[in-house]
Structure formats: C-alpha cells, structure tokens
Amino acid sequence: MELFSPEFWSALLAIVIIDLVLAGDNAIVIGMAARNLPKENQKKVIFWGTFGAIAIRSLLTIVVVWLLLIPGLRVVGGLLLIWIAYKLLVEDKSHEVKTSTNIWAAIRTIIIADTAMGLDNVLAVGGAAHGNYVLVVLGLLISVPIVVWGSTMILKLMDRFPFIIYIGSGVLAFTAAKMIEEEPLLHSIFGEISAIKWGFSALVVVLVLLAGRLRNKSKASASVSTS
C-alpha cells in the first residue's frame, strides 16, 4: 500500500473509526480508576496511566500486524473480528472497575484494565492496517487524544444516535471480511476478481448488522414482556 494513496486514507479512516467506537469505554475506565484520588493527583494518574496503556497497546498492535503474516491467522483473526462486530451491537457494557487511593495502584489498574479491554481494538486495528505500521501509529496519534478527552461526549452521542454503533460495527465487519480475503491460503477462492471480494465483504457486513438488529429486537421484546 502506497503512502497517501486512496487505499491508505480509507484504511486510516477505518482505524480512527474503530478506535473511537471500541475505545470510548476504555477512556471511561481511565477516569473511574482515578476518581478516588485527590484532584491534584488525578491528572498525573490519567496521563501516566494513558501513556502506559498506549505504549502496551501499540506494542501489541505491532505484534498482531506481524502475526497476521503467518498463513492461516488472517482467517482466524477475521472470524474473531466478525464476532467482535456482532458483540459491539448486542452486548450491554458495564464500567465497573476497581478504584484506588494510591497513585501507582491507580496507574496499574488503568494499564491492566485498558490492556484487557483493548484486545478487540488491537486485533481490529492490526487487521485494518494491512501490514502498514505507519497506519497504526497515525491512527493512534489521531484517535487517542479524541478518546481520552472526548470519551464522555462520544458515549453520549452513541446513546443518542445508535446508528453510530452500527456504522462502527459495519466497519469492523468489513475489516474482518478483508482480512479473510487477503489470506494467502484462500487465494484460489477469492483470486483477483474484485466482484467476488466486494460481494463477500457486503455479505459479511449485512449478516452481522442484520444479526445484531434481530438480537436487539428480541431483547427489547423480552424486556417488554417481563415488565
């Protein structure tokens, strides 16, 4: 992939959307982990906790980008990403996290919690980067400040406009389909025919969004019947 080509910009946009949709909750966790500390220490804890979390996430993403070069792992990663895209639509997320009055304990909590919650993000960004480490770095530089300082607004927007979640899930599903299509072991199936690849991508996106929509409708109906 050439730098600053249309493919480069579309992949960068996908990474930023993935980061914003998947990492909003992580930023809330960062705030909650520091909430019991004195005001003068909260900014320090949030800064160093975020710095540590970003460093680990960057390292993990680079490892994932490298691992995806191993034959067969793109299919595994793509299937996992399809499941993550579906869960994004149907999973009720909670923000319970252990708080601390100790600065280093709070920083440790932030790093551990972000690493555990960010594995889906790491896989998604690794897949969307198509082996390009510049994309990984640029995506983080653009999206992390937005997530850290605008997480509350992001989550409020998602609650008010649910279609944002569907857009994010669609991007994840599309990224998953592309990962599977780029698997060398499946070259005989997808080959170089664009129509087959686009058809497969569209099918994956539609199936994920439809399954999520039906599941949410089912949950809503069950909730009404029990109330």
C-alpha atoms as a PDB file:
ATOM      1  CA  MET A   1       0.000   0.000   0.000  1.00  0.00           C
ATOM      2  CA  GLU A   2       1.480   3.344  -1.095  1.00  0.00           C
ATOM      3  CA  LEU A   3       1.622   6.236   1.364  1.00  0.00           C
ATOM      4  CA  PHE A   4      -1.209   8.764   0.936  1.00  0.00           C
ATOM      5  CA  SER A   5      -2.943   6.722  -1.758  1.00  0.00           C
ATOM      6  CA  PRO A   6      -6.755   6.368  -1.664  1.00  0.00           C
ATOM      7  CA  GLU A   7      -6.318   2.918  -0.076  1.00  0.00           C
ATOM      8  CA  PHE A   8      -4.062   4.457   2.591  1.00  0.00           C
ATOM      9  CA  TRP A   9      -6.606   7.159   3.508  1.00  0.00           C
ATOM     10  CA  SER A  10      -9.532   4.713   3.577  1.00  0.00           C
ATOM     11  CA  ALA A  11      -7.569   2.365   5.862  1.00  0.00           C
ATOM     12  CA  LEU A  12      -6.609   5.284   8.145  1.00  0.00           C
ATOM     13  CA  LEU A  13     -10.262   6.364   8.356  1.00  0.00           C
ATOM     14  CA  ALA A  14     -11.253   2.795   9.240  1.00  0.00           C
ATOM     15  CA  ILE A  15      -8.637   2.691  12.034  1.00  0.00           C
ATOM     16  CA  VAL A  16      -9.818   6.005  13.509  1.00  0.00           C
ATOM     17  CA  ILE A  17     -13.474   4.872  13.452  1.00  0.00           C
ATOM     18  CA  ILE A  18     -12.521   1.546  15.063  1.00  0.00           C
ATOM     19  CA  ASP A  19     -10.534   3.338  17.777  1.00  0.00           C
ATOM     20  CA  LEU A  20     -13.370   5.760  18.539  1.00  0.00           C
ATOM     21  CA  VAL A  21     -16.088   3.106  18.668  1.00  0.00           C
ATOM     22  CA  LEU A  22     -14.152   0.471  20.608  1.00  0.00           C
ATOM     23  CA  ALA A  23     -12.018   2.657  22.879  1.00  0.00           C
ATOM     24  CA  GLY A  24     -14.663   5.031  24.264  1.00  0.00           C
ATOM     25  CA  ASP A  25     -15.369   2.710  27.194  1.00  0.00           C
ATOM     26  CA  ASN A  26     -11.656   2.382  27.899  1.00  0.00           C
ATOM     27  CA  ALA A  27     -11.402   6.124  28.471  1.00  0.00           C
ATOM     28  CA  ILE A  28     -14.282   5.955  30.942  1.00  0.00           C
ATOM     29  CA  VAL A  29     -12.387   3.223  32.819  1.00  0.00           C
ATOM     30  CA  ILE A  30      -9.357   5.512  32.987  1.00  0.00           C
ATOM     31  CA  GLY A  31     -11.455   8.230  34.596  1.00  0.00           C
ATOM     32  CA  MET A  32     -13.110   5.860  37.056  1.00  0.00           C
ATOM     33  CA  ALA A  33      -9.814   4.332  38.180  1.00  0.00           C
ATOM     34  CA  ALA A  34      -8.610   7.777  39.231  1.00  0.00           C
ATOM     35  CA  ARG A  35     -11.810   9.159  40.709  1.00  0.00           C
ATOM     36  CA  ASN A  36     -10.976   8.452  44.382  1.00  0.00           C
ATOM     37  CA  LEU A  37      -7.637  10.245  44.223  1.00  0.00           C
ATOM     38  CA  PRO A  38      -7.104  13.860  45.307  1.00  0.00           C
ATOM     39  CA  LYS A  39      -7.793  16.324  42.491  1.00  0.00           C
ATOM     40  CA  GLU A  40      -4.139  17.342  42.244  1.00  0.00           C
ATOM     41  CA  ASN A  41      -3.118  13.719  41.538  1.00  0.00           C
ATOM     42  CA  GLN A  42      -5.881  12.764  39.092  1.00  0.00           C
ATOM     43  CA  LYS A  43      -4.322  14.438  36.030  1.00  0.00           C
ATOM     44  CA  LYS A  44      -0.955  12.818  36.795  1.00  0.00           C
ATOM     45  CA  VAL A  45      -2.522   9.366  37.114  1.00  0.00           C
ATOM     46  CA  ILE A  46      -4.625   9.763  33.956  1.00  0.00           C
ATOM     47  CA  PHE A  47      -1.571  10.960  31.985  1.00  0.00           C
ATOM     48  CA  TRP A  48       0.793   8.179  33.076  1.00  0.00           C
ATOM     49  CA  GLY A  49      -1.908   5.518  33.015  1.00  0.00           C
ATOM     50  CA  THR A  50      -2.883   6.528  29.490  1.00  0.00           C
ATOM     51  CA  PHE A  51       0.773   6.721  28.425  1.00  0.00           C
ATOM     52  CA  GLY A  52       1.425   3.182  29.714  1.00  0.00           C
ATOM     53  CA  ALA A  53      -1.765   1.839  28.168  1.00  0.00           C
ATOM     54  CA  ILE A  54      -0.961   3.389  24.771  1.00  0.00           C
ATOM     55  CA  ALA A  55       2.602   2.013  24.878  1.00  0.00           C
ATOM     56  CA  ILE A  56       1.377  -1.532  25.577  1.00  0.00           C
ATOM     57  CA  ARG A  57      -1.422  -1.257  23.021  1.00  0.00           C
ATOM     58  CA  SER A  58       0.996  -0.015  20.359  1.00  0.00           C
ATOM     59  CA  LEU A  59       3.365  -2.904  21.062  1.00  0.00           C
ATOM     60  CA  LEU A  60       0.529  -5.448  20.966  1.00  0.00           C
ATOM     61  CA  THR A  61      -0.808  -3.998  17.712  1.00  0.00           C
ATOM     62  CA  ILE A  62       2.618  -4.250  16.068  1.00  0.00           C
ATOM     63  CA  VAL A  63       2.834  -7.879  17.259  1.00  0.00           C
ATOM     64  CA  VAL A  64      -0.640  -8.578  15.809  1.00  0.00           C
ATOM     65  CA  VAL A  65       0.306  -6.982  12.462  1.00  0.00           C
ATOM     66  CA  TRP A  66       3.329  -9.303  12.361  1.00  0.00           C
ATOM     67  CA  LEU A  67       1.346 -12.384  13.432  1.00  0.00           C
ATOM     68  CA  LEU A  68      -1.227 -11.799  10.702  1.00  0.00           C
ATOM     69  CA  LEU A  69       1.516 -12.508   8.165  1.00  0.00           C
ATOM     70  CA  ILE A  70       1.544 -16.154   9.316  1.00  0.00           C
ATOM     71  CA  PRO A  71      -0.546 -18.321   6.932  1.00  0.00           C
ATOM     72  CA  GLY A  72      -3.989 -19.117   8.311  1.00  0.00           C
ATOM     73  CA  LEU A  73      -4.063 -16.470  11.039  1.00  0.00           C
ATOM     74  CA  ARG A  74      -5.854 -13.896   8.890  1.00  0.00           C
ATOM     75  CA  VAL A  75      -8.855 -16.244   8.729  1.00  0.00           C
ATOM     76  CA  VAL A  76      -8.768 -16.760  12.493  1.00  0.00           C
ATOM     77  CA  GLY A  77      -8.430 -13.016  13.089  1.00  0.00           C
ATOM     78  CA  GLY A  78     -11.212 -12.246  10.620  1.00  0.00           C
ATOM     79  CA  LEU A  79     -13.621 -14.676  12.285  1.00  0.00           C
ATOM     80  CA  LEU A  80     -12.796 -13.232  15.720  1.00  0.00           C
ATOM     81  CA  LEU A  81     -13.384  -9.733  14.364  1.00  0.00           C
ATOM     82  CA  ILE A  82     -16.789 -10.744  12.981  1.00  0.00           C
ATOM     83  CA  TRP A  83     -17.729 -11.900  16.480  1.00  0.00           C
ATOM     84  CA  ILE A  84     -16.431  -8.614  17.966  1.00  0.00           C
ATOM     85  CA  ALA A  85     -18.503  -6.627  15.432  1.00  0.00           C
ATOM     86  CA  TYR A  86     -21.606  -8.579  16.453  1.00  0.00           C
ATOM     87  CA  LYS A  87     -20.894  -8.172  20.187  1.00  0.00           C
ATOM     88  CA  LEU A  88     -20.487  -4.419  19.723  1.00  0.00           C
ATOM     89  CA  LEU A  89     -24.142  -4.283  18.659  1.00  0.00           C
ATOM     90  CA  VAL A  90     -25.694  -6.581  21.262  1.00  0.00           C
ATOM     91  CA  GLU A  91     -23.524  -6.506  24.370  1.00  0.00           C
ATOM     92  CA  ASP A  92     -24.571  -4.436  27.380  1.00  0.00           C
ATOM     93  CA  LYS A  93     -21.349  -2.896  28.664  1.00  0.00           C
ATOM     94  CA  SER A  94     -20.676  -2.106  32.309  1.00  0.00           C
ATOM     95  CA  HIS A  95     -17.988   0.179  33.637  1.00  0.00           C
ATOM     96  CA  GLU A  96     -17.264  -1.436  36.991  1.00  0.00           C
ATOM     97  CA  VAL A  97     -13.606  -1.061  37.824  1.00  0.00           C
ATOM     98  CA  LYS A  98     -11.555  -1.242  40.993  1.00  0.00           C
ATOM     99  CA  THR A  99     -10.667   2.210  42.293  1.00  0.00           C
ATOM    100  CA  SER A 100      -7.682   3.149  44.420  1.00  0.00           C
ATOM    101  CA  THR A 101      -6.435   5.990  46.602  1.00  0.00           C
ATOM    102  CA  ASN A 102      -2.821   5.133  45.745  1.00  0.00           C
ATOM    103  CA  ILE A 103      -1.287   6.801  42.673  1.00  0.00           C
ATOM    104  CA  TRP A 104       0.755   3.823  41.439  1.00  0.00           C
ATOM    105  CA  ALA A 105      -2.053   1.359  42.150  1.00  0.00           C
ATOM    106  CA  ALA A 106      -4.434   3.525  40.097  1.00  0.00           C
ATOM    107  CA  ILE A 107      -1.921   3.743  37.224  1.00  0.00           C
ATOM    108  CA  ARG A 108      -1.507  -0.038  37.321  1.00  0.00           C
ATOM    109  CA  THR A 109      -5.294  -0.507  37.300  1.00  0.00           C
ATOM    110  CA  ILE A 110      -5.621   1.745  34.244  1.00  0.00           C
ATOM    111  CA  ILE A 111      -2.916  -0.110  32.310  1.00  0.00           C
ATOM    112  CA  ILE A 112      -4.268  -3.589  33.172  1.00  0.00           C
ATOM    113  CA  ALA A 113      -7.900  -2.649  32.519  1.00  0.00           C
ATOM    114  CA  ASP A 114      -7.108  -0.929  29.226  1.00  0.00           C
ATOM    115  CA  THR A 115      -4.978  -3.850  28.050  1.00  0.00           C
ATOM    116  CA  ALA A 116      -7.705  -6.373  28.899  1.00  0.00           C
ATOM    117  CA  MET A 117     -10.484  -4.282  27.333  1.00  0.00           C
ATOM    118  CA  GLY A 118      -8.377  -3.222  24.351  1.00  0.00           C
ATOM    119  CA  LEU A 119      -7.619  -6.650  22.869  1.00  0.00           C
ATOM    120  CA  ASP A 120     -10.540  -6.329  20.453  1.00  0.00           C
ATOM    121  CA  ASN A 121      -9.240  -2.898  19.455  1.00  0.00           C
ATOM    122  CA  VAL A 122      -5.728  -4.254  18.896  1.00  0.00           C
ATOM    123  CA  LEU A 123      -6.982  -7.041  16.623  1.00  0.00           C
ATOM    124  CA  ALA A 124      -9.233  -4.687  14.655  1.00  0.00           C
ATOM    125  CA  VAL A 125      -6.552  -2.032  14.119  1.00  0.00           C
ATOM    126  CA  GLY A 126      -3.994  -4.705  13.228  1.00  0.00           C
ATOM    127  CA  GLY A 127      -6.334  -6.051  10.544  1.00  0.00           C
ATOM    128  CA  ALA A 128      -7.251  -2.629   9.167  1.00  0.00           C
ATOM    129  CA  ALA A 129      -3.577  -1.614   8.901  1.00  0.00           C
ATOM    130  CA  HIS A 130      -2.899  -4.250   6.195  1.00  0.00           C
ATOM    131  CA  GLY A 131       0.656  -4.714   7.474  1.00  0.00           C
ATOM    132  CA  ASN A 132       1.432  -0.967   7.400  1.00  0.00           C
ATOM    133  CA  TYR A 133       2.990   0.195  10.694  1.00  0.00           C
ATOM    134  CA  VAL A 134       2.728   3.874   9.684  1.00  0.00           C
ATOM    135  CA  LEU A 135      -1.058   3.479   9.650  1.00  0.00           C
ATOM    136  CA  VAL A 136      -1.010   2.030  13.172  1.00  0.00           C
ATOM    137  CA  VAL A 137       0.996   4.974  14.532  1.00  0.00           C
ATOM    138  CA  LEU A 138      -1.018   7.641  12.671  1.00  0.00           C
ATOM    139  CA  GLY A 139      -4.300   6.065  13.764  1.00  0.00           C
ATOM    140  CA  LEU A 140      -3.230   6.136  17.409  1.00  0.00           C
ATOM    141  CA  LEU A 141      -1.930   9.719  17.186  1.00  0.00           C
ATOM    142  CA  ILE A 142      -5.239  10.912  15.739  1.00  0.00           C
ATOM    143  CA  SER A 143      -7.737   8.895  17.768  1.00  0.00           C
ATOM    144  CA  VAL A 144      -6.196   8.566  21.248  1.00  0.00           C
ATOM    145  CA  PRO A 145      -6.390  12.302  22.134  1.00  0.00           C
ATOM    146  CA  ILE A 146     -10.007  12.348  20.931  1.00  0.00           C
ATOM    147  CA  VAL A 147     -10.861   9.283  23.001  1.00  0.00           C
ATOM    148  CA  VAL A 148      -9.123  10.460  26.188  1.00  0.00           C
ATOM    149  CA  TRP A 149     -10.541  13.974  26.197  1.00  0.00           C
ATOM    150  CA  GLY A 150     -13.831  13.359  24.425  1.00  0.00           C
ATOM    151  CA  SER A 151     -14.876   9.925  25.684  1.00  0.00           C
ATOM    152  CA  THR A 152     -17.924  11.178  27.586  1.00  0.00           C
ATOM    153  CA  MET A 153     -19.191  13.036  24.524  1.00  0.00           C
ATOM    154  CA  ILE A 154     -18.513  10.017  22.290  1.00  0.00           C
ATOM    155  CA  LEU A 155     -20.526   7.705  24.542  1.00  0.00           C
ATOM    156  CA  LYS A 156     -23.386  10.211  24.825  1.00  0.00           C
ATOM    157  CA  LEU A 157     -23.508  10.500  21.036  1.00  0.00           C
ATOM    158  CA  MET A 158     -23.631   6.713  20.710  1.00  0.00           C
ATOM    159  CA  ASP A 159     -26.508   6.535  23.199  1.00  0.00           C
ATOM    160  CA  ARG A 160     -28.397   9.324  21.434  1.00  0.00           C
ATOM    161  CA  PHE A 161     -27.656   8.157  17.882  1.00  0.00           C
ATOM    162  CA  PRO A 162     -27.484   4.328  17.888  1.00  0.00           C
ATOM    163  CA  PHE A 163     -26.712   4.290  14.160  1.00  0.00           C
ATOM    164  CA  ILE A 164     -23.139   5.328  15.082  1.00  0.00           C
ATOM    165  CA  ILE A 165     -22.695   1.906  16.699  1.00  0.00           C
ATOM    166  CA  TYR A 166     -23.999   0.255  13.527  1.00  0.00           C
ATOM    167  CA  ILE A 167     -21.509   2.251  11.441  1.00  0.00           C
ATOM    168  CA  GLY A 168     -18.678   1.115  13.716  1.00  0.00           C
ATOM    169  CA  SER A 169     -19.861  -2.486  13.622  1.00  0.00           C
ATOM    170  CA  GLY A 170     -20.115  -2.314   9.835  1.00  0.00           C
ATOM    171  CA  VAL A 171     -16.532  -1.033   9.580  1.00  0.00           C
ATOM    172  CA  LEU A 172     -15.369  -3.885  11.829  1.00  0.00           C
ATOM    173  CA  ALA A 173     -17.257  -6.461   9.761  1.00  0.00           C
ATOM    174  CA  PHE A 174     -15.822  -5.001   6.538  1.00  0.00           C
ATOM    175  CA  THR A 175     -12.305  -5.127   8.026  1.00  0.00           C
ATOM    176  CA  ALA A 176     -12.894  -8.753   9.050  1.00  0.00           C
ATOM    177  CA  ALA A 177     -14.002  -9.661   5.520  1.00  0.00           C
ATOM    178  CA  LYS A 178     -10.909  -8.001   4.030  1.00  0.00           C
ATOM    179  CA  MET A 179      -8.665  -9.924   6.439  1.00  0.00           C
ATOM    180  CA  ILE A 180     -10.203 -13.212   5.295  1.00  0.00           C
ATOM    181  CA  GLU A 181      -9.986 -12.233   1.618  1.00  0.00           C
ATOM    182  CA  GLU A 182      -6.282 -11.402   1.976  1.00  0.00           C
ATOM    183  CA  GLU A 183      -5.467 -14.817   3.449  1.00  0.00           C
ATOM    184  CA  PRO A 184      -2.918 -16.428   1.084  1.00  0.00           C
ATOM    185  CA  LEU A 185      -4.402 -19.880   1.711  1.00  0.00           C
ATOM    186  CA  LEU A 186      -7.716 -18.679   0.224  1.00  0.00           C
ATOM    187  CA  HIS A 187      -6.236 -17.075  -2.870  1.00  0.00           C
ATOM    188  CA  SER A 188      -7.738 -19.780  -5.068  1.00  0.00           C
ATOM    189  CA  ILE A 189     -11.217 -18.810  -3.837  1.00  0.00           C
ATOM    190  CA  PHE A 190     -11.014 -15.014  -3.984  1.00  0.00           C
ATOM    191  CA  GLY A 191      -8.201 -14.598  -6.515  1.00  0.00           C
ATOM    192  CA  GLU A 192      -8.009 -11.169  -8.139  1.00  0.00           C
ATOM    193  CA  ILE A 193     -11.695 -10.861  -9.028  1.00  0.00           C
ATOM    194  CA  SER A 194     -12.950  -7.663  -7.377  1.00  0.00           C
ATOM    195  CA  ALA A 195     -16.635  -8.575  -7.744  1.00  0.00           C
ATOM    196  CA  ILE A 196     -16.220 -11.717  -5.615  1.00  0.00           C
ATOM    197  CA  LYS A 197     -14.308  -9.808  -2.923  1.00  0.00           C
ATOM    198  CA  TRP A 198     -16.801  -6.940  -2.768  1.00  0.00           C
ATOM    199  CA  GLY A 199     -19.692  -9.391  -2.757  1.00  0.00           C
ATOM    200  CA  PHE A 200     -18.184 -11.329   0.145  1.00  0.00           C
ATOM    201  CA  SER A 201     -17.471  -8.112   2.097  1.00  0.00           C
ATOM    202  CA  ALA A 202     -21.016  -6.858   1.562  1.00  0.00           C
ATOM    203  CA  LEU A 203     -22.459 -10.227   2.631  1.00  0.00           C
ATOM    204  CA  VAL A 204     -20.440 -10.255   5.881  1.00  0.00           C
ATOM    205  CA  VAL A 205     -21.439  -6.673   6.739  1.00  0.00           C
ATOM    206  CA  VAL A 206     -25.139  -7.284   6.023  1.00  0.00           C
ATOM    207  CA  LEU A 207     -25.220 -10.550   8.006  1.00  0.00           C
ATOM    208  CA  VAL A 208     -23.514  -9.006  11.054  1.00  0.00           C
ATOM    209  CA  LEU A 209     -25.754  -5.918  11.090  1.00  0.00           C
ATOM    210  CA  LEU A 210     -28.883  -7.990  10.493  1.00  0.00           C
ATOM    211  CA  ALA A 211     -27.987 -10.485  13.237  1.00  0.00           C
ATOM    212  CA  GLY A 212     -27.298  -7.640  15.674  1.00  0.00           C
ATOM    213  CA  ARG A 213     -30.533  -5.875  14.771  1.00  0.00           C
ATOM    214  CA  LEU A 214     -32.618  -9.036  15.213  1.00  0.00           C
ATOM    215  CA  ARG A 215     -30.917  -9.834  18.533  1.00  0.00           C
ATOM    216  CA  ASN A 216     -31.597  -6.330  19.870  1.00  0.00           C
ATOM    217  CA  LYS A 217     -35.238  -6.529  18.772  1.00  0.00           C
ATOM    218  CA  SER A 218     -35.551  -9.900  20.529  1.00  0.00           C
ATOM    219  CA  LYS A 219     -34.039  -8.485  23.732  1.00  0.00           C
ATOM    220  CA  ALA A 220     -36.356  -5.457  23.585  1.00  0.00           C
ATOM    221  CA  SER A 221     -39.416  -7.679  23.137  1.00  0.00           C
ATOM    222  CA  ALA A 222     -38.352  -9.909  26.040  1.00  0.00           C
ATOM    223  CA  SER A 223     -37.820  -6.862  28.245  1.00  0.00           C
ATOM    224  CA  VAL A 224     -41.311  -5.509  27.451  1.00  0.00           C
ATOM    225  CA  SER A 225     -42.976  -8.870  28.115  1.00  0.00           C
ATOM    226  CA  THR A 226     -41.318  -9.275  31.532  1.00  0.00           C
ATOM    227  CA  SER A 227     -42.115  -5.731  32.705  1.00  0.00           C
END
